[in-house]
Amino acid sequence: MTNTKAQAEAVESSATALDGVAAKSFAVALEGAATKPAAIQRDADESERAGGFLRQVFMYYGVSIAQTFVEFGVFALMKAFGLAVDVSNGIAVACSGSFNFLMNRNITFKASSNFWRSVALFVLLYVWNFLFGTWFINATSAAFGWPQMAGKLITMVMQGVWGFCLCKWVIFR
């Protein structure tokens, strides 16, 4: 009990030594440090720097809408030229992926992370999207008799959801 009382007196005398403004700032800082883990503070700082989470969501999906037209259009054009689904999908993903990377890195997330790290992770995401998308388009067409364009549209929606999460919290971190 004596030790606790001595500690309380030491804290009180330290606080008294600080002027009113500094003491209040010190208390607020201590309270904030106790309630906000570093990761949450970092996310808040990054969201504020990039204009907020909702702005990022709207920008990301705005870029995705534009990318959808690029990807779907290139895919349809390549199919019209008679190219195989795999080749058509690869060309479409490469064109739209380049557009998406540049727009999201520079505008949506305003990333200042290592450029080549972001490129490598983004390429891995697009390799996954390509492999999954190609498999899904063919699998749904074969298993359910769906048109390949329907399978393509469904994969693009799924990729939009996991793409935002990975871009925000992993790729452009």
C-alpha atoms as a PDB file:
ATOM      1  CA  MET A   1       0.000   0.000   0.000  1.00  0.00           C
ATOM      2  CA  THR A   2       2.825   2.387   0.812  1.00  0.00           C
ATOM      3  CA  ASN A   3       4.517   1.716  -2.510  1.00  0.00           C
ATOM      4  CA  THR A   4       1.277   2.430  -4.423  1.00  0.00           C
ATOM      5  CA  LYS A   5       0.754   5.634  -2.440  1.00  0.00           C
ATOM      6  CA  ALA A   6       4.320   6.730  -3.189  1.00  0.00           C
ATOM      7  CA  GLN A   7       3.812   6.047  -6.892  1.00  0.00           C
ATOM      8  CA  ALA A   8       0.564   8.026  -6.919  1.00  0.00           C
ATOM      9  CA  GLU A   9       2.309  10.962  -5.219  1.00  0.00           C
ATOM     10  CA  ALA A  10       5.146  10.817  -7.744  1.00  0.00           C
ATOM     11  CA  VAL A  11       2.700  10.899 -10.667  1.00  0.00           C
ATOM     12  CA  GLU A  12       0.779  13.770  -9.026  1.00  0.00           C
ATOM     13  CA  SER A  13       3.923  15.800  -8.451  1.00  0.00           C
ATOM     14  CA  SER A  14       5.054  15.173 -12.041  1.00  0.00           C
ATOM     15  CA  ALA A  15       1.692  16.334 -13.386  1.00  0.00           C
ATOM     16  CA  THR A  16       1.829  19.420 -11.170  1.00  0.00           C
ATOM     17  CA  ALA A  17       5.222  20.294 -12.590  1.00  0.00           C
ATOM     18  CA  LEU A  18       3.748  20.467 -16.073  1.00  0.00           C
ATOM     19  CA  ASP A  19       1.731  23.518 -16.971  1.00  0.00           C
ATOM     20  CA  GLY A  20      -2.034  23.123 -17.561  1.00  0.00           C
ATOM     21  CA  VAL A  21      -1.918  22.799 -21.354  1.00  0.00           C
ATOM     22  CA  ALA A  22       0.991  20.389 -21.379  1.00  0.00           C
ATOM     23  CA  ALA A  23      -0.592  18.246 -18.657  1.00  0.00           C
ATOM     24  CA  LYS A  24      -3.854  18.041 -20.565  1.00  0.00           C
ATOM     25  CA  SER A  25      -2.039  17.164 -23.817  1.00  0.00           C
ATOM     26  CA  PHE A  26       0.008  14.560 -21.978  1.00  0.00           C
ATOM     27  CA  ALA A  27      -3.144  12.987 -20.521  1.00  0.00           C
ATOM     28  CA  VAL A  28      -4.912  12.947 -23.895  1.00  0.00           C
ATOM     29  CA  ALA A  29      -1.845  11.397 -25.543  1.00  0.00           C
ATOM     30  CA  LEU A  30      -1.646   8.719 -22.858  1.00  0.00           C
ATOM     31  CA  GLU A  31      -5.347   7.981 -23.190  1.00  0.00           C
ATOM     32  CA  GLY A  32      -5.080   7.817 -26.994  1.00  0.00           C
ATOM     33  CA  ALA A  33      -2.045   5.553 -26.830  1.00  0.00           C
ATOM     34  CA  ALA A  34      -3.870   3.229 -24.473  1.00  0.00           C
ATOM     35  CA  THR A  35      -6.982   3.011 -26.634  1.00  0.00           C
ATOM     36  CA  LYS A  36      -5.575   3.091 -30.192  1.00  0.00           C
ATOM     37  CA  PRO A  37      -3.250   0.315 -31.293  1.00  0.00           C
ATOM     38  CA  ALA A  38      -0.543   1.402 -33.718  1.00  0.00           C
ATOM     39  CA  ALA A  39      -2.136  -0.476 -36.644  1.00  0.00           C
ATOM     40  CA  ILE A  40      -5.447   1.360 -36.208  1.00  0.00           C
ATOM     41  CA  GLN A  41      -3.673   4.705 -35.976  1.00  0.00           C
ATOM     42  CA  ARG A  42      -1.639   3.882 -39.088  1.00  0.00           C
ATOM     43  CA  ASP A  43      -4.815   2.943 -41.009  1.00  0.00           C
ATOM     44  CA  ALA A  44      -6.487   6.170 -39.868  1.00  0.00           C
ATOM     45  CA  ASP A  45      -3.458   8.214 -40.938  1.00  0.00           C
ATOM     46  CA  GLU A  46      -3.346   6.488 -44.343  1.00  0.00           C
ATOM     47  CA  SER A  47      -7.081   6.906 -44.920  1.00  0.00           C
ATOM     48  CA  GLU A  48      -6.846  10.562 -44.001  1.00  0.00           C
ATOM     49  CA  ARG A  49      -3.827  11.000 -46.292  1.00  0.00           C
ATOM     50  CA  ALA A  50      -5.656   9.373 -49.179  1.00  0.00           C
ATOM     51  CA  GLY A  51      -8.918  11.224 -48.518  1.00  0.00           C
ATOM     52  CA  GLY A  52     -10.848   8.699 -46.463  1.00  0.00           C
ATOM     53  CA  PHE A  53     -12.090   5.178 -46.759  1.00  0.00           C
ATOM     54  CA  LEU A  54     -15.341   6.034 -48.550  1.00  0.00           C
ATOM     55  CA  ARG A  55     -13.513   8.129 -51.135  1.00  0.00           C
ATOM     56  CA  GLN A  56     -11.232   5.151 -51.755  1.00  0.00           C
ATOM     57  CA  VAL A  57     -14.192   2.796 -52.124  1.00  0.00           C
ATOM     58  CA  PHE A  58     -15.906   5.086 -54.649  1.00  0.00           C
ATOM     59  CA  MET A  59     -12.686   5.765 -56.546  1.00  0.00           C
ATOM     60  CA  TYR A  60     -11.724   2.080 -56.604  1.00  0.00           C
ATOM     61  CA  TYR A  61     -15.086   1.002 -57.969  1.00  0.00           C
ATOM     62  CA  GLY A  62     -15.126   3.948 -60.389  1.00  0.00           C
ATOM     63  CA  VAL A  63     -11.786   2.758 -61.730  1.00  0.00           C
ATOM     64  CA  SER A  64     -13.189  -0.780 -61.725  1.00  0.00           C
ATOM     65  CA  ILE A  65     -16.203   0.303 -63.787  1.00  0.00           C
ATOM     66  CA  ALA A  66     -13.905   1.896 -66.340  1.00  0.00           C
ATOM     67  CA  GLN A  67     -11.674  -1.179 -66.196  1.00  0.00           C
ATOM     68  CA  THR A  68     -14.722  -3.383 -66.738  1.00  0.00           C
ATOM     69  CA  PHE A  69     -15.459  -1.650 -70.017  1.00  0.00           C
ATOM     70  CA  VAL A  70     -11.824  -2.010 -71.057  1.00  0.00           C
ATOM     71  CA  GLU A  71     -11.610  -5.686 -70.068  1.00  0.00           C
ATOM     72  CA  PHE A  72     -15.023  -6.771 -71.305  1.00  0.00           C
ATOM     73  CA  GLY A  73     -14.578  -4.840 -74.557  1.00  0.00           C
ATOM     74  CA  VAL A  74     -11.141  -6.277 -75.254  1.00  0.00           C
ATOM     75  CA  PHE A  75     -12.394  -9.772 -74.364  1.00  0.00           C
ATOM     76  CA  ALA A  76     -15.376  -9.446 -76.735  1.00  0.00           C
ATOM     77  CA  LEU A  77     -13.185  -8.022 -79.485  1.00  0.00           C
ATOM     78  CA  MET A  78     -10.648 -10.845 -79.180  1.00  0.00           C
ATOM     79  CA  LYS A  79     -13.472 -13.439 -79.204  1.00  0.00           C
ATOM     80  CA  ALA A  80     -14.912 -11.739 -82.320  1.00  0.00           C
ATOM     81  CA  PHE A  81     -11.505 -12.183 -83.985  1.00  0.00           C
ATOM     82  CA  GLY A  82     -11.865 -15.884 -83.242  1.00  0.00           C
ATOM     83  CA  LEU A  83      -9.238 -16.174 -80.519  1.00  0.00           C
ATOM     84  CA  ALA A  84      -9.613 -18.883 -77.878  1.00  0.00           C
ATOM     85  CA  VAL A  85     -11.142 -17.990 -74.504  1.00  0.00           C
ATOM     86  CA  ASP A  86      -7.795 -18.372 -72.722  1.00  0.00           C
ATOM     87  CA  VAL A  87      -5.984 -16.034 -75.108  1.00  0.00           C
ATOM     88  CA  SER A  88      -8.866 -13.543 -75.195  1.00  0.00           C
ATOM     89  CA  ASN A  89      -9.017 -13.485 -71.416  1.00  0.00           C
ATOM     90  CA  GLY A  90      -5.239 -13.050 -71.124  1.00  0.00           C
ATOM     91  CA  ILE A  91      -5.148 -10.075 -73.463  1.00  0.00           C
ATOM     92  CA  ALA A  92      -8.185  -8.492 -71.765  1.00  0.00           C
ATOM     93  CA  VAL A  93      -6.709  -8.918 -68.288  1.00  0.00           C
ATOM     94  CA  ALA A  94      -3.320  -7.495 -69.348  1.00  0.00           C
ATOM     95  CA  CYS A  95      -4.879  -4.366 -70.887  1.00  0.00           C
ATOM     96  CA  SER A  96      -7.290  -3.679 -68.063  1.00  0.00           C
ATOM     97  CA  GLY A  97      -4.750  -4.603 -65.392  1.00  0.00           C
ATOM     98  CA  SER A  98      -2.281  -1.977 -66.565  1.00  0.00           C
ATOM     99  CA  PHE A  99      -5.022   0.640 -66.533  1.00  0.00           C
ATOM    100  CA  ASN A 100      -6.188  -0.469 -63.073  1.00  0.00           C
ATOM    101  CA  PHE A 101      -2.710  -0.486 -61.524  1.00  0.00           C
ATOM    102  CA  LEU A 102      -1.824   3.007 -62.653  1.00  0.00           C
ATOM    103  CA  MET A 103      -5.163   4.555 -61.706  1.00  0.00           C
ATOM    104  CA  ASN A 104      -5.440   2.902 -58.294  1.00  0.00           C
ATOM    105  CA  ARG A 105      -1.820   3.383 -57.293  1.00  0.00           C
ATOM    106  CA  ASN A 106      -1.657   7.039 -58.267  1.00  0.00           C
ATOM    107  CA  ILE A 107      -5.217   8.266 -57.714  1.00  0.00           C
ATOM    108  CA  THR A 108      -7.308   5.964 -55.520  1.00  0.00           C
ATOM    109  CA  PHE A 109      -4.800   4.950 -52.841  1.00  0.00           C
ATOM    110  CA  LYS A 110      -2.118   7.586 -53.512  1.00  0.00           C
ATOM    111  CA  ALA A 111       0.470   4.949 -52.682  1.00  0.00           C
ATOM    112  CA  SER A 112       3.957   5.871 -51.675  1.00  0.00           C
ATOM    113  CA  SER A 113       5.023   2.275 -51.077  1.00  0.00           C
ATOM    114  CA  ASN A 114       7.827   0.617 -52.989  1.00  0.00           C
ATOM    115  CA  PHE A 115       6.806   0.694 -56.668  1.00  0.00           C
ATOM    116  CA  TRP A 116       8.350  -2.652 -57.634  1.00  0.00           C
ATOM    117  CA  ARG A 117       6.901  -4.413 -54.576  1.00  0.00           C
ATOM    118  CA  SER A 118       3.479  -3.078 -55.595  1.00  0.00           C
ATOM    119  CA  VAL A 119       4.028  -4.204 -59.192  1.00  0.00           C
ATOM    120  CA  ALA A 120       5.041  -7.713 -58.075  1.00  0.00           C
ATOM    121  CA  LEU A 121       2.046  -8.099 -55.753  1.00  0.00           C
ATOM    122  CA  PHE A 122      -0.318  -6.658 -58.342  1.00  0.00           C
ATOM    123  CA  VAL A 123       1.015  -9.066 -60.977  1.00  0.00           C
ATOM    124  CA  LEU A 124       0.482 -11.963 -58.543  1.00  0.00           C
ATOM    125  CA  LEU A 125      -3.097 -10.805 -58.019  1.00  0.00           C
ATOM    126  CA  TYR A 126      -3.646 -10.668 -61.768  1.00  0.00           C
ATOM    127  CA  VAL A 127      -2.060 -14.067 -62.346  1.00  0.00           C
ATOM    128  CA  TRP A 128      -4.480 -15.467 -59.774  1.00  0.00           C
ATOM    129  CA  ASN A 129      -7.379 -13.562 -61.374  1.00  0.00           C
ATOM    130  CA  PHE A 130      -6.402 -14.872 -64.803  1.00  0.00           C
ATOM    131  CA  LEU A 131      -6.082 -18.494 -63.692  1.00  0.00           C
ATOM    132  CA  PHE A 132      -9.235 -18.429 -61.591  1.00  0.00           C
ATOM    133  CA  GLY A 133     -11.208 -16.490 -64.217  1.00  0.00           C
ATOM    134  CA  THR A 134     -10.239 -18.776 -67.064  1.00  0.00           C
ATOM    135  CA  TRP A 135     -11.050 -21.864 -65.002  1.00  0.00           C
ATOM    136  CA  PHE A 136     -14.373 -20.414 -63.810  1.00  0.00           C
ATOM    137  CA  ILE A 137     -15.495 -19.347 -67.297  1.00  0.00           C
ATOM    138  CA  ASN A 138     -14.766 -22.802 -68.709  1.00  0.00           C
ATOM    139  CA  ALA A 139     -16.094 -24.699 -65.666  1.00  0.00           C
ATOM    140  CA  THR A 140     -19.429 -22.865 -65.519  1.00  0.00           C
ATOM    141  CA  SER A 141     -19.882 -23.182 -69.265  1.00  0.00           C
ATOM    142  CA  ALA A 142     -19.194 -26.918 -69.192  1.00  0.00           C
ATOM    143  CA  ALA A 143     -21.027 -27.726 -65.950  1.00  0.00           C
ATOM    144  CA  PHE A 144     -24.104 -25.512 -66.282  1.00  0.00           C
ATOM    145  CA  GLY A 145     -24.210 -24.651 -69.973  1.00  0.00           C
ATOM    146  CA  TRP A 146     -23.800 -20.958 -69.155  1.00  0.00           C
ATOM    147  CA  PRO A 147     -22.620 -18.597 -71.855  1.00  0.00           C
ATOM    148  CA  GLN A 148     -18.925 -17.819 -71.446  1.00  0.00           C
ATOM    149  CA  MET A 149     -19.729 -14.095 -71.176  1.00  0.00           C
ATOM    150  CA  ALA A 150     -21.868 -14.804 -68.077  1.00  0.00           C
ATOM    151  CA  GLY A 151     -18.981 -16.656 -66.438  1.00  0.00           C
ATOM    152  CA  LYS A 152     -16.682 -13.773 -67.317  1.00  0.00           C
ATOM    153  CA  LEU A 153     -19.038 -11.226 -65.758  1.00  0.00           C
ATOM    154  CA  ILE A 154     -19.361 -13.250 -62.538  1.00  0.00           C
ATOM    155  CA  THR A 155     -15.585 -13.589 -62.191  1.00  0.00           C
ATOM    156  CA  MET A 156     -15.168  -9.845 -62.661  1.00  0.00           C
ATOM    157  CA  VAL A 157     -17.580  -9.151 -59.761  1.00  0.00           C
ATOM    158  CA  MET A 158     -15.758 -11.578 -57.438  1.00  0.00           C
ATOM    159  CA  GLN A 159     -12.390 -10.140 -58.435  1.00  0.00           C
ATOM    160  CA  GLY A 160     -13.662  -6.647 -57.660  1.00  0.00           C
ATOM    161  CA  VAL A 161     -14.386  -7.574 -54.052  1.00  0.00           C
ATOM    162  CA  TRP A 162     -11.129  -9.325 -53.229  1.00  0.00           C
ATOM    163  CA  GLY A 163      -9.188  -6.866 -55.388  1.00  0.00           C
ATOM    164  CA  PHE A 164     -10.222  -3.846 -53.268  1.00  0.00           C
ATOM    165  CA  CYS A 165      -9.253  -5.603 -50.051  1.00  0.00           C
ATOM    166  CA  LEU A 166      -5.866  -6.672 -51.381  1.00  0.00           C
ATOM    167  CA  CYS A 167      -5.089  -3.298 -53.001  1.00  0.00           C
ATOM    168  CA  LYS A 168      -5.995  -1.316 -49.893  1.00  0.00           C
ATOM    169  CA  TRP A 169      -4.434  -3.476 -47.216  1.00  0.00           C
ATOM    170  CA  VAL A 170      -1.631  -5.337 -48.989  1.00  0.00           C
ATOM    171  CA  ILE A 171      -0.541  -4.140 -52.442  1.00  0.00           C
ATOM    172  CA  PHE A 172      -0.544  -0.363 -52.046  1.00  0.00           C
ATOM    173  CA  ARG A 173       0.278  -0.363 -48.307  1.00  0.00           C
END
